[in-house]
Amino acid sequence: QVQLVESGGGLVQPGGSLVLSCAASGSISNSATMGWFRQAPGKTRDLVATISKRRDEGTTYAESVKGRFSISRDNEKNMVFLQMNSLKPEDTAVYYCIYEDHPFVYWGQGTQVTVSS
């Protein structure tokens, strides 16, 4: 089992920035991928960004956040971060941390991000 705890959500004005953090604990794998999904009211839960544990396997981003969001991780602390810049109202959603170690997938409880003036 893996437990995920997210933090860093909140209310921000359009154009502002936020950093989300996710800490993983429990049966941590050396090969797990971590990342973020988000779900807006009435919409599906969609991928935002992922990052592999190996540096050479890189990162992936949704087209809608490329150039604005940046994902990173600290393998020693089993944490993943999402730096969100130039936030838009359409980025408003609950953001979920994900930990994937095939075939197992674990989700955090979610943190609300609201972009509004």
N, C-alpha and C. Protein backbone atom coordinates (compact mmCIF):
# COMPACT_ATOMS: atom_id res chain seq x y z
N GLN A 1 0.84 -1.19 0.00
CA GLN A 1 0.00 0.00 0.00
C GLN A 1 0.87 1.24 0.00
N VAL A 2 0.37 2.26 -0.67
CA VAL A 2 1.04 3.56 -0.72
C VAL A 2 0.02 4.62 -0.33
N GLN A 3 0.42 5.52 0.54
CA GLN A 3 -0.44 6.63 0.93
C GLN A 3 0.13 7.92 0.33
N LEU A 4 -0.78 8.75 -0.14
CA LEU A 4 -0.40 10.02 -0.77
C LEU A 4 -1.10 11.16 -0.05
N VAL A 5 -0.35 12.20 0.27
CA VAL A 5 -0.91 13.38 0.92
C VAL A 5 -0.52 14.61 0.11
N GLU A 6 -1.53 15.31 -0.40
CA GLU A 6 -1.29 16.51 -1.19
C GLU A 6 -1.41 17.76 -0.32
N SER A 7 -0.76 18.82 -0.76
CA SER A 7 -0.90 20.12 -0.12
C SER A 7 -0.58 21.21 -1.13
N GLY A 8 -0.99 22.44 -0.80
CA GLY A 8 -0.61 23.58 -1.62
C GLY A 8 -1.72 24.19 -2.45
N GLY A 9 -2.91 23.61 -2.43
CA GLY A 9 -4.00 24.20 -3.19
C GLY A 9 -4.49 25.50 -2.55
N GLY A 10 -5.40 26.16 -3.26
CA GLY A 10 -5.96 27.39 -2.71
C GLY A 10 -6.56 28.25 -3.79
N LEU A 11 -6.83 29.50 -3.40
CA LEU A 11 -7.42 30.48 -4.30
C LEU A 11 -6.32 31.41 -4.82
N VAL A 12 -6.29 31.61 -6.12
CA VAL A 12 -5.28 32.47 -6.72
C VAL A 12 -5.93 33.27 -7.85
N GLN A 13 -5.42 34.45 -8.09
CA GLN A 13 -5.95 35.27 -9.18
C GLN A 13 -5.41 34.81 -10.53
N PRO A 14 -6.13 35.08 -11.60
CA PRO A 14 -5.61 34.74 -12.92
C PRO A 14 -4.23 35.36 -13.14
N GLY A 15 -3.34 34.56 -13.73
CA GLY A 15 -1.97 35.00 -13.92
C GLY A 15 -1.04 34.68 -12.78
N GLY A 16 -1.61 34.22 -11.67
CA GLY A 16 -0.82 33.91 -10.50
C GLY A 16 -0.18 32.52 -10.56
N SER A 17 0.47 32.16 -9.46
CA SER A 17 1.20 30.90 -9.38
C SER A 17 0.85 30.15 -8.10
N LEU A 18 0.97 28.85 -8.16
CA LEU A 18 0.82 27.97 -6.99
C LEU A 18 1.77 26.80 -7.16
N VAL A 19 2.17 26.22 -6.03
CA VAL A 19 2.96 24.99 -6.06
C VAL A 19 2.20 23.93 -5.27
N LEU A 20 1.93 22.81 -5.91
CA LEU A 20 1.33 21.67 -5.24
C LEU A 20 2.42 20.68 -4.86
N SER A 21 2.24 20.06 -3.69
CA SER A 21 3.18 19.05 -3.22
C SER A 21 2.42 17.78 -2.91
N CYS A 22 3.10 16.65 -3.08
CA CYS A 22 2.52 15.35 -2.75
C CYS A 22 3.60 14.48 -2.13
N ALA A 23 3.30 13.97 -0.95
CA ALA A 23 4.24 13.10 -0.25
C ALA A 23 3.72 11.67 -0.26
N ALA A 24 4.56 10.74 -0.67
CA ALA A 24 4.19 9.33 -0.71
C ALA A 24 4.85 8.60 0.45
N SER A 25 4.11 7.66 1.04
CA SER A 25 4.66 6.84 2.11
C SER A 25 4.11 5.43 1.97
N GLY A 26 4.79 4.49 2.63
CA GLY A 26 4.36 3.10 2.57
C GLY A 26 5.33 2.26 1.76
N SER A 27 4.79 1.39 0.92
CA SER A 27 5.61 0.46 0.13
C SER A 27 6.08 1.13 -1.15
N ILE A 28 7.12 1.95 -1.01
CA ILE A 28 7.61 2.76 -2.13
C ILE A 28 8.46 1.91 -3.06
N SER A 29 8.21 2.05 -4.36
CA SER A 29 8.92 1.28 -5.37
C SER A 29 10.04 2.11 -5.99
N ASN A 30 11.06 1.44 -6.50
CA ASN A 30 12.16 2.12 -7.20
C ASN A 30 11.80 2.49 -8.62
N SER A 31 10.65 2.04 -9.11
CA SER A 31 10.32 2.27 -10.52
C SER A 31 9.00 2.99 -10.73
N ALA A 32 8.41 3.50 -9.67
CA ALA A 32 7.08 4.10 -9.80
C ALA A 32 7.12 5.44 -10.53
N THR A 33 6.05 5.68 -11.27
CA THR A 33 5.81 6.99 -11.88
C THR A 33 4.87 7.77 -10.98
N MET A 34 5.12 9.05 -10.85
CA MET A 34 4.22 9.92 -10.07
C MET A 34 3.70 11.03 -10.97
N GLY A 35 2.60 11.62 -10.56
CA GLY A 35 2.07 12.68 -11.40
C GLY A 35 0.84 13.32 -10.80
N TRP A 36 0.19 14.11 -11.66
CA TRP A 36 -1.00 14.86 -11.25
C TRP A 36 -2.10 14.73 -12.29
N PHE A 37 -3.31 14.54 -11.81
CA PHE A 37 -4.52 14.62 -12.61
C PHE A 37 -5.37 15.75 -12.03
N ARG A 38 -6.37 16.17 -12.76
CA ARG A 38 -7.30 17.15 -12.23
C ARG A 38 -8.70 16.87 -12.73
N GLN A 39 -9.68 17.31 -11.93
CA GLN A 39 -11.07 17.11 -12.29
C GLN A 39 -11.86 18.36 -11.94
N ALA A 40 -12.43 18.97 -12.96
CA ALA A 40 -13.31 20.12 -12.78
C ALA A 40 -14.74 19.62 -12.62
N PRO A 41 -15.62 20.42 -12.00
CA PRO A 41 -17.01 20.00 -11.80
C PRO A 41 -17.67 19.60 -13.11
N GLY A 42 -18.28 18.41 -13.13
CA GLY A 42 -18.99 17.95 -14.31
C GLY A 42 -18.12 17.44 -15.42
N LYS A 43 -16.81 17.33 -15.17
CA LYS A 43 -15.90 16.88 -16.21
C LYS A 43 -15.14 15.63 -15.76
N THR A 44 -14.45 15.02 -16.72
CA THR A 44 -13.68 13.82 -16.40
C THR A 44 -12.39 14.19 -15.69
N ARG A 45 -11.78 13.20 -15.05
CA ARG A 45 -10.48 13.39 -14.42
C ARG A 45 -9.40 13.21 -15.49
N ASP A 46 -8.64 14.26 -15.71
CA ASP A 46 -7.71 14.28 -16.83
C ASP A 46 -6.26 14.41 -16.36
N LEU A 47 -5.36 13.83 -17.13
CA LEU A 47 -3.94 13.93 -16.83
C LEU A 47 -3.45 15.37 -16.96
N VAL A 48 -2.62 15.78 -16.00
CA VAL A 48 -1.96 17.08 -16.06
C VAL A 48 -0.49 16.90 -16.41
N ALA A 49 0.19 16.08 -15.61
CA ALA A 49 1.62 15.85 -15.84
C ALA A 49 2.06 14.60 -15.10
N THR A 50 3.06 13.93 -15.64
CA THR A 50 3.67 12.79 -14.97
C THR A 50 5.18 12.88 -15.06
N ILE A 51 5.83 12.19 -14.14
CA ILE A 51 7.30 12.16 -14.13
C ILE A 51 7.75 10.78 -13.67
N SER A 52 8.67 10.21 -14.42
CA SER A 52 9.17 8.89 -14.05
C SER A 52 10.24 9.04 -12.97
N LYS A 53 10.55 7.92 -12.33
CA LYS A 53 11.56 7.98 -11.28
C LYS A 53 12.96 8.10 -11.89
N ARG A 54 13.12 7.54 -13.08
CA ARG A 54 14.39 7.63 -13.77
C ARG A 54 14.45 8.91 -14.59
N ARG A 55 15.51 9.67 -14.43
CA ARG A 55 15.64 10.95 -15.12
C ARG A 55 15.57 10.78 -16.63
N ASP A 56 16.05 9.68 -17.17
CA ASP A 56 16.09 9.54 -18.63
C ASP A 56 14.74 9.18 -19.23
N GLU A 57 13.77 8.89 -18.37
CA GLU A 57 12.44 8.56 -18.89
C GLU A 57 11.53 9.77 -18.91
N GLY A 58 11.96 10.86 -18.32
CA GLY A 58 11.34 12.14 -18.56
C GLY A 58 9.97 12.40 -17.98
N THR A 59 9.33 13.40 -18.61
CA THR A 59 8.05 13.92 -18.14
C THR A 59 7.05 13.98 -19.29
N THR A 60 5.77 14.03 -18.92
CA THR A 60 4.71 14.26 -19.90
C THR A 60 3.80 15.35 -19.37
N TYR A 61 3.23 16.11 -20.27
CA TYR A 61 2.32 17.19 -19.90
C TYR A 61 1.10 17.20 -20.82
N ALA A 62 -0.03 17.58 -20.24
CA ALA A 62 -1.19 17.86 -21.08
C ALA A 62 -0.89 19.09 -21.93
N GLU A 63 -1.42 19.11 -23.14
CA GLU A 63 -1.17 20.24 -24.04
C GLU A 63 -1.61 21.56 -23.41
N SER A 64 -2.67 21.51 -22.63
CA SER A 64 -3.24 22.74 -22.07
C SER A 64 -2.35 23.38 -21.02
N VAL A 65 -1.36 22.65 -20.50
CA VAL A 65 -0.52 23.22 -19.44
C VAL A 65 0.94 23.35 -19.85
N LYS A 66 1.28 22.87 -21.04
CA LYS A 66 2.66 22.96 -21.50
C LYS A 66 3.13 24.41 -21.52
N GLY A 67 4.32 24.63 -20.99
CA GLY A 67 4.89 25.97 -20.94
C GLY A 67 4.46 26.77 -19.73
N ARG A 68 3.47 26.28 -19.00
CA ARG A 68 2.99 27.00 -17.80
C ARG A 68 3.24 26.20 -16.53
N PHE A 69 3.11 24.88 -16.61
CA PHE A 69 3.28 24.02 -15.45
C PHE A 69 4.59 23.25 -15.58
N SER A 70 5.16 22.93 -14.42
CA SER A 70 6.39 22.15 -14.40
C SER A 70 6.33 21.13 -13.27
N ILE A 71 6.60 19.87 -13.60
CA ILE A 71 6.57 18.81 -12.59
C ILE A 71 7.99 18.42 -12.22
N SER A 72 8.18 18.12 -10.94
CA SER A 72 9.49 17.68 -10.48
C SER A 72 9.28 16.71 -9.32
N ARG A 73 10.35 16.01 -8.95
CA ARG A 73 10.21 15.08 -7.83
C ARG A 73 11.52 15.02 -7.05
N ASP A 74 11.36 14.64 -5.79
CA ASP A 74 12.49 14.42 -4.90
C ASP A 74 12.42 12.95 -4.50
N ASN A 75 13.26 12.12 -5.12
CA ASN A 75 13.18 10.68 -4.87
C ASN A 75 13.59 10.32 -3.45
N GLU A 76 14.48 11.09 -2.86
CA GLU A 76 14.91 10.77 -1.49
C GLU A 76 13.78 10.99 -0.51
N LYS A 77 12.94 12.00 -0.77
CA LYS A 77 11.83 12.29 0.13
C LYS A 77 10.52 11.69 -0.37
N ASN A 78 10.54 11.01 -1.52
CA ASN A 78 9.34 10.42 -2.12
C ASN A 78 8.24 11.47 -2.30
N MET A 79 8.63 12.57 -2.89
CA MET A 79 7.69 13.67 -3.10
C MET A 79 7.67 14.08 -4.58
N VAL A 80 6.52 14.59 -4.99
CA VAL A 80 6.37 15.16 -6.33
C VAL A 80 5.75 16.54 -6.19
N PHE A 81 6.16 17.45 -7.08
CA PHE A 81 5.72 18.84 -7.01
C PHE A 81 5.16 19.26 -8.36
N LEU A 82 4.23 20.20 -8.31
CA LEU A 82 3.70 20.77 -9.54
C LEU A 82 3.74 22.29 -9.41
N GLN A 83 4.65 22.90 -10.14
CA GLN A 83 4.74 24.35 -10.18
C GLN A 83 3.78 24.84 -11.26
N MET A 84 2.82 25.66 -10.86
CA MET A 84 1.80 26.14 -11.79
C MET A 84 1.92 27.65 -11.93
N ASN A 85 2.25 28.10 -13.12
CA ASN A 85 2.39 29.52 -13.41
C ASN A 85 1.34 29.97 -14.41
N SER A 86 1.16 31.25 -14.51
CA SER A 86 0.21 31.84 -15.47
C SER A 86 -1.14 31.14 -15.41
N LEU A 87 -1.64 30.98 -14.20
CA LEU A 87 -2.88 30.24 -14.01
C LEU A 87 -4.07 30.94 -14.65
N LYS A 88 -4.98 30.12 -15.18
CA LYS A 88 -6.17 30.60 -15.86
C LYS A 88 -7.41 30.08 -15.13
N PRO A 89 -8.55 30.76 -15.29
CA PRO A 89 -9.78 30.25 -14.64
C PRO A 89 -10.08 28.81 -15.03
N GLU A 90 -9.74 28.41 -16.24
CA GLU A 90 -10.01 27.04 -16.67
C GLU A 90 -9.10 26.00 -16.01
N ASP A 91 -8.12 26.45 -15.24
CA ASP A 91 -7.30 25.53 -14.45
C ASP A 91 -7.98 25.16 -13.13
N THR A 92 -9.09 25.80 -12.84
CA THR A 92 -9.83 25.50 -11.61
C THR A 92 -10.29 24.05 -11.61
N ALA A 93 -9.92 23.33 -10.56
CA ALA A 93 -10.24 21.90 -10.47
C ALA A 93 -9.73 21.36 -9.14
N VAL A 94 -10.14 20.14 -8.84
CA VAL A 94 -9.49 19.39 -7.78
C VAL A 94 -8.31 18.66 -8.40
N TYR A 95 -7.13 18.83 -7.82
CA TYR A 95 -5.92 18.22 -8.34
C TYR A 95 -5.58 17.00 -7.49
N TYR A 96 -5.34 15.88 -8.18
CA TYR A 96 -5.06 14.62 -7.51
C TYR A 96 -3.65 14.15 -7.83
N CYS A 97 -2.95 13.76 -6.80
CA CYS A 97 -1.64 13.14 -6.97
C CYS A 97 -1.84 11.66 -7.31
N ILE A 98 -1.00 11.14 -8.17
CA ILE A 98 -1.09 9.74 -8.55
C ILE A 98 0.28 9.09 -8.43
N TYR A 99 0.25 7.85 -7.99
CA TYR A 99 1.47 7.03 -7.85
C TYR A 99 1.18 5.73 -8.59
N GLU A 100 1.97 5.47 -9.63
CA GLU A 100 1.70 4.31 -10.47
C GLU A 100 2.90 3.38 -10.51
N ASP A 101 2.67 2.15 -10.05
CA ASP A 101 3.69 1.10 -10.09
C ASP A 101 2.97 -0.13 -10.62
N HIS A 102 3.00 -0.26 -11.92
CA HIS A 102 2.19 -1.26 -12.61
C HIS A 102 2.20 -2.62 -11.93
N PRO A 103 1.02 -3.22 -11.69
CA PRO A 103 -0.31 -2.79 -12.09
C PRO A 103 -1.07 -1.97 -11.06
N PHE A 104 -0.37 -1.47 -10.07
CA PHE A 104 -1.04 -0.76 -8.98
C PHE A 104 -1.04 0.74 -9.24
N VAL A 105 -2.16 1.38 -8.90
CA VAL A 105 -2.30 2.83 -9.00
C VAL A 105 -2.91 3.35 -7.71
N TYR A 106 -2.29 4.35 -7.16
CA TYR A 106 -2.78 4.95 -5.92
C TYR A 106 -3.08 6.43 -6.17
N TRP A 107 -4.13 6.93 -5.48
CA TRP A 107 -4.56 8.31 -5.64
C TRP A 107 -4.53 9.03 -4.30
N GLY A 108 -4.21 10.30 -4.33
CA GLY A 108 -4.36 11.13 -3.16
C GLY A 108 -5.80 11.56 -3.00
N GLN A 109 -6.06 12.31 -1.93
CA GLN A 109 -7.44 12.71 -1.63
C GLN A 109 -7.87 13.94 -2.43
N GLY A 110 -6.91 14.61 -3.05
CA GLY A 110 -7.23 15.77 -3.87
C GLY A 110 -7.06 17.08 -3.11
N THR A 111 -6.68 18.10 -3.85
CA THR A 111 -6.57 19.45 -3.29
C THR A 111 -7.19 20.43 -4.28
N GLN A 112 -8.00 21.34 -3.75
CA GLN A 112 -8.75 22.26 -4.61
C GLN A 112 -7.86 23.43 -5.04
N VAL A 113 -7.89 23.71 -6.34
CA VAL A 113 -7.24 24.89 -6.89
C VAL A 113 -8.33 25.72 -7.57
N THR A 114 -8.47 26.96 -7.12
CA THR A 114 -9.46 27.86 -7.70
C THR A 114 -8.77 29.10 -8.23
N VAL A 115 -8.98 29.37 -9.51
CA VAL A 115 -8.38 30.55 -10.16
C VAL A 115 -9.51 31.52 -10.47
N SER A 116 -9.52 32.62 -9.74
CA SER A 116 -10.62 33.56 -9.88
C SER A 116 -10.20 34.93 -9.38
N SER A 117 -10.76 35.94 -9.99
CA SER A 117 -10.49 37.30 -9.52
C SER A 117 -11.58 37.75 -8.56
